[in-house]
Amino acid sequence: KLLIYKNELIQVFINIIQNARDVFLQNKNTPAPTITIKSYENEQNVTVVIADNGGGIDKKNILRIFEPYFTTKQNLNGTGIGLYMAKTIVEERSCGSIKAQNNNDGAEFMLVFNKECK
């Protein structure tokens, strides 16, 4: 069990998955577009890794993607709020952490939820 509101957790997942979907829609050359979700658990934490094969996050943007109002999707009505809200929910509501990095062929988000958030 996690000490987090179910709807907030769903919102975090939706924001990350929608960003991956948007990348696939923009880059029609991605062979077999795939989003992979894995979870791991230990006594203190639940870790969820959401990865895609959409080419990754531009190096100049990766340090800014969690900033409020930062978007790379101006032409697609991006508001820059989705990942900022995901970070806020994970860090402030579940005493956890969220990190983004590029994997071999796309982006990867690692979310760590603390089971004992107080």
N, C-alpha and C. Protein backbone atom coordinates (compact mmCIF):
# COMPACT_ATOMS: atom_id res chain seq x y z
N LYS A 1 0.83 -1.18 0.00
CA LYS A 1 0.00 0.00 0.00
C LYS A 1 0.87 1.25 0.00
N LEU A 2 0.37 2.25 -0.70
CA LEU A 2 1.04 3.54 -0.73
C LEU A 2 0.14 4.58 -0.09
N LEU A 3 0.74 5.53 0.57
CA LEU A 3 -0.01 6.62 1.18
C LEU A 3 -0.09 7.78 0.19
N ILE A 4 -0.96 7.60 -0.80
CA ILE A 4 -1.15 8.62 -1.83
C ILE A 4 -2.57 8.46 -2.36
N TYR A 5 -3.16 9.55 -2.75
CA TYR A 5 -4.51 9.49 -3.33
C TYR A 5 -4.46 8.78 -4.68
N LYS A 6 -5.36 7.86 -4.86
CA LYS A 6 -5.42 7.06 -6.08
C LYS A 6 -5.50 7.95 -7.32
N ASN A 7 -6.36 8.95 -7.30
CA ASN A 7 -6.53 9.82 -8.47
C ASN A 7 -5.26 10.63 -8.78
N GLU A 8 -4.52 11.00 -7.76
CA GLU A 8 -3.27 11.71 -7.99
C GLU A 8 -2.24 10.78 -8.64
N LEU A 9 -2.19 9.56 -8.19
CA LEU A 9 -1.28 8.58 -8.78
C LEU A 9 -1.63 8.33 -10.24
N ILE A 10 -2.90 8.20 -10.52
CA ILE A 10 -3.36 8.03 -11.90
C ILE A 10 -2.95 9.22 -12.75
N GLN A 11 -3.07 10.43 -12.21
CA GLN A 11 -2.69 11.64 -12.95
C GLN A 11 -1.20 11.64 -13.30
N VAL A 12 -0.37 11.19 -12.37
CA VAL A 12 1.07 11.11 -12.63
C VAL A 12 1.33 10.18 -13.81
N PHE A 13 0.74 9.00 -13.77
CA PHE A 13 0.94 8.02 -14.85
C PHE A 13 0.41 8.56 -16.18
N ILE A 14 -0.76 9.16 -16.15
CA ILE A 14 -1.35 9.69 -17.39
C ILE A 14 -0.45 10.76 -18.00
N ASN A 15 0.09 11.67 -17.20
CA ASN A 15 0.95 12.73 -17.72
C ASN A 15 2.17 12.16 -18.43
N ILE A 16 2.81 11.18 -17.82
CA ILE A 16 4.01 10.59 -18.42
C ILE A 16 3.66 9.82 -19.69
N ILE A 17 2.61 9.03 -19.63
CA ILE A 17 2.21 8.22 -20.79
C ILE A 17 1.73 9.11 -21.94
N GLN A 18 1.00 10.18 -21.64
CA GLN A 18 0.56 11.08 -22.71
C GLN A 18 1.74 11.77 -23.39
N ASN A 19 2.78 12.10 -22.63
CA ASN A 19 3.97 12.70 -23.24
C ASN A 19 4.62 11.72 -24.21
N ALA A 20 4.69 10.45 -23.82
CA ALA A 20 5.26 9.44 -24.72
C ALA A 20 4.39 9.31 -25.97
N ARG A 21 3.11 9.29 -25.79
CA ARG A 21 2.19 9.20 -26.93
C ARG A 21 2.38 10.39 -27.88
N ASP A 22 2.52 11.58 -27.31
CA ASP A 22 2.73 12.77 -28.14
C ASP A 22 4.01 12.66 -28.96
N VAL A 23 5.06 12.10 -28.36
CA VAL A 23 6.31 11.91 -29.10
C VAL A 23 6.08 10.96 -30.27
N PHE A 24 5.34 9.88 -30.03
CA PHE A 24 5.06 8.93 -31.11
C PHE A 24 4.25 9.60 -32.23
N LEU A 25 3.32 10.46 -31.87
CA LEU A 25 2.50 11.13 -32.87
C LEU A 25 3.33 12.13 -33.69
N GLN A 26 4.29 12.78 -33.03
CA GLN A 26 5.15 13.73 -33.71
C GLN A 26 6.16 13.02 -34.62
N ASN A 27 6.70 11.92 -34.13
CA ASN A 27 7.74 11.20 -34.85
C ASN A 27 7.16 9.90 -35.39
N LYS A 28 6.61 9.97 -36.54
CA LYS A 28 5.94 8.81 -37.14
C LYS A 28 6.92 7.72 -37.57
N ASN A 29 8.22 7.98 -37.45
CA ASN A 29 9.23 7.01 -37.89
C ASN A 29 9.63 6.02 -36.81
N THR A 30 9.04 6.11 -35.62
CA THR A 30 9.39 5.18 -34.55
C THR A 30 8.89 3.78 -34.91
N PRO A 31 9.81 2.83 -35.06
CA PRO A 31 9.36 1.46 -35.36
C PRO A 31 8.75 0.83 -34.12
N ALA A 32 7.57 0.27 -34.25
CA ALA A 32 6.88 -0.41 -33.14
C ALA A 32 6.87 0.43 -31.87
N PRO A 33 6.18 1.57 -31.87
CA PRO A 33 6.12 2.42 -30.67
C PRO A 33 5.67 1.62 -29.46
N THR A 34 6.46 1.74 -28.38
CA THR A 34 6.20 0.93 -27.20
C THR A 34 6.39 1.75 -25.93
N ILE A 35 5.49 1.57 -24.99
CA ILE A 35 5.63 2.12 -23.64
C ILE A 35 5.67 0.93 -22.70
N THR A 36 6.70 0.88 -21.87
CA THR A 36 6.88 -0.22 -20.93
C THR A 36 6.76 0.30 -19.51
N ILE A 37 6.00 -0.40 -18.69
CA ILE A 37 5.84 -0.02 -17.28
C ILE A 37 6.25 -1.22 -16.43
N LYS A 38 7.20 -0.98 -15.53
CA LYS A 38 7.67 -2.03 -14.62
C LYS A 38 7.62 -1.49 -13.20
N SER A 39 7.38 -2.36 -12.25
CA SER A 39 7.39 -1.93 -10.85
C SER A 39 8.21 -2.90 -10.01
N TYR A 40 8.79 -2.34 -8.97
CA TYR A 40 9.62 -3.09 -8.04
C TYR A 40 9.24 -2.64 -6.64
N GLU A 41 9.37 -3.54 -5.70
CA GLU A 41 8.99 -3.20 -4.32
C GLU A 41 10.02 -3.76 -3.35
N ASN A 42 10.31 -2.96 -2.32
CA ASN A 42 11.09 -3.46 -1.18
C ASN A 42 10.37 -3.00 0.08
N GLU A 43 10.98 -3.14 1.22
CA GLU A 43 10.29 -2.81 2.48
C GLU A 43 9.94 -1.33 2.61
N GLN A 44 10.77 -0.45 2.04
CA GLN A 44 10.56 0.98 2.19
C GLN A 44 9.84 1.65 1.02
N ASN A 45 10.05 1.13 -0.19
CA ASN A 45 9.63 1.86 -1.39
C ASN A 45 8.95 0.97 -2.41
N VAL A 46 8.18 1.64 -3.26
CA VAL A 46 7.69 1.05 -4.49
C VAL A 46 8.28 1.90 -5.61
N THR A 47 8.95 1.26 -6.56
CA THR A 47 9.55 1.96 -7.69
C THR A 47 8.80 1.58 -8.95
N VAL A 48 8.44 2.58 -9.73
CA VAL A 48 7.78 2.37 -11.01
C VAL A 48 8.64 3.02 -12.09
N VAL A 49 8.94 2.25 -13.13
CA VAL A 49 9.73 2.76 -14.25
C VAL A 49 8.85 2.73 -15.49
N ILE A 50 8.69 3.91 -16.10
CA ILE A 50 7.91 4.04 -17.33
C ILE A 50 8.88 4.46 -18.42
N ALA A 51 9.00 3.63 -19.45
CA ALA A 51 9.96 3.89 -20.52
C ALA A 51 9.28 3.80 -21.87
N ASP A 52 9.84 4.53 -22.83
CA ASP A 52 9.33 4.46 -24.20
C ASP A 52 10.51 4.34 -25.16
N ASN A 53 10.20 4.10 -26.41
CA ASN A 53 11.25 4.01 -27.44
C ASN A 53 11.09 5.12 -28.47
N GLY A 54 10.72 6.31 -27.98
CA GLY A 54 10.44 7.44 -28.86
C GLY A 54 11.61 8.34 -29.18
N GLY A 55 12.83 7.91 -28.88
CA GLY A 55 13.99 8.71 -29.25
C GLY A 55 14.62 9.49 -28.11
N GLY A 56 13.94 9.63 -26.99
CA GLY A 56 14.52 10.29 -25.83
C GLY A 56 14.22 11.77 -25.75
N ILE A 57 14.74 12.38 -24.71
CA ILE A 57 14.54 13.79 -24.41
C ILE A 57 15.79 14.55 -24.83
N ASP A 58 15.63 15.63 -25.55
CA ASP A 58 16.76 16.44 -25.99
C ASP A 58 17.59 16.83 -24.76
N LYS A 59 18.91 16.69 -24.88
CA LYS A 59 19.81 16.97 -23.75
C LYS A 59 19.66 18.38 -23.21
N LYS A 60 19.35 19.34 -24.08
CA LYS A 60 19.22 20.72 -23.62
C LYS A 60 17.93 20.92 -22.80
N ASN A 61 16.99 19.98 -22.90
CA ASN A 61 15.71 20.11 -22.19
C ASN A 61 15.59 19.22 -20.97
N ILE A 62 16.38 18.18 -20.85
CA ILE A 62 16.14 17.17 -19.83
C ILE A 62 16.21 17.73 -18.40
N LEU A 63 17.02 18.74 -18.19
CA LEU A 63 17.12 19.33 -16.85
C LEU A 63 15.97 20.28 -16.54
N ARG A 64 15.17 20.61 -17.54
CA ARG A 64 14.10 21.60 -17.35
C ARG A 64 12.70 21.00 -17.40
N ILE A 65 12.55 19.73 -17.74
CA ILE A 65 11.22 19.20 -18.04
C ILE A 65 10.26 19.22 -16.84
N PHE A 66 10.78 19.31 -15.63
CA PHE A 66 9.91 19.36 -14.46
C PHE A 66 9.60 20.79 -14.00
N GLU A 67 10.12 21.78 -14.71
CA GLU A 67 9.85 23.18 -14.37
C GLU A 67 8.42 23.54 -14.78
N PRO A 68 7.76 24.38 -13.96
CA PRO A 68 6.41 24.80 -14.35
C PRO A 68 6.45 25.64 -15.61
N TYR A 69 5.52 25.36 -16.49
CA TYR A 69 5.30 26.07 -17.75
C TYR A 69 6.38 25.82 -18.81
N PHE A 70 7.31 24.91 -18.54
CA PHE A 70 8.29 24.57 -19.57
C PHE A 70 7.67 23.53 -20.49
N THR A 71 7.64 23.81 -21.78
CA THR A 71 7.09 22.86 -22.74
C THR A 71 7.91 22.88 -24.01
N THR A 72 7.95 21.76 -24.65
CA THR A 72 8.55 21.66 -25.98
C THR A 72 7.46 21.47 -27.02
N LYS A 73 6.21 21.54 -26.58
CA LYS A 73 5.07 21.26 -27.46
C LYS A 73 4.20 22.49 -27.68
N GLN A 74 4.82 23.65 -27.93
CA GLN A 74 4.05 24.86 -28.14
C GLN A 74 3.05 24.70 -29.29
N ASN A 75 3.44 24.01 -30.32
CA ASN A 75 2.56 23.83 -31.48
C ASN A 75 1.47 22.78 -31.24
N LEU A 76 1.57 22.06 -30.15
CA LEU A 76 0.58 21.01 -29.85
C LEU A 76 -0.22 21.36 -28.59
N ASN A 77 -0.28 22.63 -28.25
CA ASN A 77 -1.03 23.09 -27.07
C ASN A 77 -0.46 22.55 -25.77
N GLY A 78 0.84 22.37 -25.70
CA GLY A 78 1.48 21.97 -24.45
C GLY A 78 1.47 23.13 -23.47
N THR A 79 1.17 22.84 -22.21
CA THR A 79 1.11 23.89 -21.19
C THR A 79 2.32 23.89 -20.26
N GLY A 80 3.07 22.79 -20.23
CA GLY A 80 4.21 22.72 -19.32
C GLY A 80 3.82 22.46 -17.89
N ILE A 81 2.62 21.99 -17.66
CA ILE A 81 2.15 21.74 -16.30
C ILE A 81 2.18 20.26 -15.93
N GLY A 82 2.05 19.37 -16.91
CA GLY A 82 1.90 17.94 -16.64
C GLY A 82 3.03 17.34 -15.82
N LEU A 83 4.27 17.48 -16.27
CA LEU A 83 5.39 16.89 -15.54
C LEU A 83 5.69 17.64 -14.25
N TYR A 84 5.43 18.95 -14.25
CA TYR A 84 5.58 19.72 -13.01
C TYR A 84 4.61 19.18 -11.95
N MET A 85 3.36 18.94 -12.34
CA MET A 85 2.38 18.40 -11.40
C MET A 85 2.76 16.99 -10.97
N ALA A 86 3.25 16.18 -11.89
CA ALA A 86 3.69 14.83 -11.55
C ALA A 86 4.78 14.89 -10.49
N LYS A 87 5.74 15.76 -10.67
CA LYS A 87 6.84 15.91 -9.69
C LYS A 87 6.30 16.37 -8.34
N THR A 88 5.41 17.33 -8.36
CA THR A 88 4.84 17.84 -7.12
C THR A 88 4.09 16.73 -6.38
N ILE A 89 3.29 15.98 -7.09
CA ILE A 89 2.53 14.90 -6.46
C ILE A 89 3.47 13.86 -5.87
N VAL A 90 4.43 13.41 -6.65
CA VAL A 90 5.33 12.35 -6.19
C VAL A 90 6.16 12.82 -5.01
N GLU A 91 6.72 14.02 -5.08
CA GLU A 91 7.63 14.47 -4.04
C GLU A 91 6.91 14.98 -2.79
N GLU A 92 5.84 15.73 -2.96
CA GLU A 92 5.20 16.34 -1.81
C GLU A 92 4.10 15.49 -1.20
N ARG A 93 3.45 14.68 -2.00
CA ARG A 93 2.33 13.89 -1.50
C ARG A 93 2.72 12.47 -1.10
N SER A 94 3.84 11.97 -1.66
CA SER A 94 4.23 10.61 -1.32
C SER A 94 5.65 10.52 -0.77
N CYS A 95 6.26 11.68 -0.50
CA CYS A 95 7.63 11.72 0.02
C CYS A 95 8.57 10.93 -0.88
N GLY A 96 8.33 10.95 -2.16
CA GLY A 96 9.10 10.16 -3.10
C GLY A 96 9.98 11.00 -3.98
N SER A 97 10.35 10.41 -5.12
CA SER A 97 11.19 11.13 -6.07
C SER A 97 10.82 10.69 -7.48
N ILE A 98 11.12 11.57 -8.43
CA ILE A 98 10.89 11.28 -9.83
C ILE A 98 12.10 11.78 -10.60
N LYS A 99 12.59 10.94 -11.50
CA LYS A 99 13.76 11.30 -12.30
C LYS A 99 13.50 10.90 -13.74
N ALA A 100 14.08 11.64 -14.65
CA ALA A 100 13.98 11.32 -16.07
C ALA A 100 15.38 11.17 -16.63
N GLN A 101 15.52 10.21 -17.52
CA GLN A 101 16.78 10.02 -18.22
C GLN A 101 16.49 9.39 -19.57
N ASN A 102 17.49 9.41 -20.42
CA ASN A 102 17.37 8.73 -21.70
C ASN A 102 17.91 7.32 -21.56
N ASN A 103 17.18 6.36 -22.13
CA ASN A 103 17.68 4.99 -22.18
C ASN A 103 18.24 4.76 -23.58
N ASN A 104 18.37 3.55 -23.99
CA ASN A 104 18.97 3.25 -25.30
C ASN A 104 18.23 3.88 -26.47
N ASP A 105 16.90 3.88 -26.42
CA ASP A 105 16.14 4.34 -27.58
C ASP A 105 14.97 5.25 -27.25
N GLY A 106 14.95 5.77 -26.02
CA GLY A 106 13.84 6.63 -25.65
C GLY A 106 14.04 7.27 -24.29
N ALA A 107 12.94 7.66 -23.69
CA ALA A 107 12.95 8.29 -22.37
C ALA A 107 12.53 7.28 -21.32
N GLU A 108 13.02 7.52 -20.11
CA GLU A 108 12.69 6.63 -18.99
C GLU A 108 12.45 7.49 -17.75
N PHE A 109 11.31 7.26 -17.11
CA PHE A 109 10.98 7.97 -15.88
C PHE A 109 10.98 6.96 -14.74
N MET A 110 11.72 7.29 -13.68
CA MET A 110 11.77 6.44 -12.51
C MET A 110 11.08 7.16 -11.36
N LEU A 111 10.02 6.54 -10.86
CA LEU A 111 9.25 7.11 -9.76
C LEU A 111 9.45 6.23 -8.54
N VAL A 112 9.85 6.82 -7.44
CA VAL A 112 10.04 6.08 -6.20
C VAL A 112 9.04 6.62 -5.18
N PHE A 113 8.18 5.74 -4.69
CA PHE A 113 7.16 6.11 -3.71
C PHE A 113 7.54 5.51 -2.37
N ASN A 114 7.61 6.36 -1.36
CA ASN A 114 7.94 5.92 -0.01
C ASN A 114 6.69 5.35 0.65
N LYS A 115 6.77 4.15 1.18
CA LYS A 115 5.62 3.51 1.81
C LYS A 115 5.26 4.15 3.15
N GLU A 116 6.21 4.82 3.76
CA GLU A 116 6.00 5.38 5.10
C GLU A 116 5.96 6.89 5.11
N CYS A 117 5.37 7.51 4.13
CA CYS A 117 5.31 8.96 4.05
C CYS A 117 4.52 9.51 5.22
N LYS A 118 5.09 10.51 5.87
CA LYS A 118 4.41 11.12 7.04
C LYS A 118 4.27 12.60 6.83
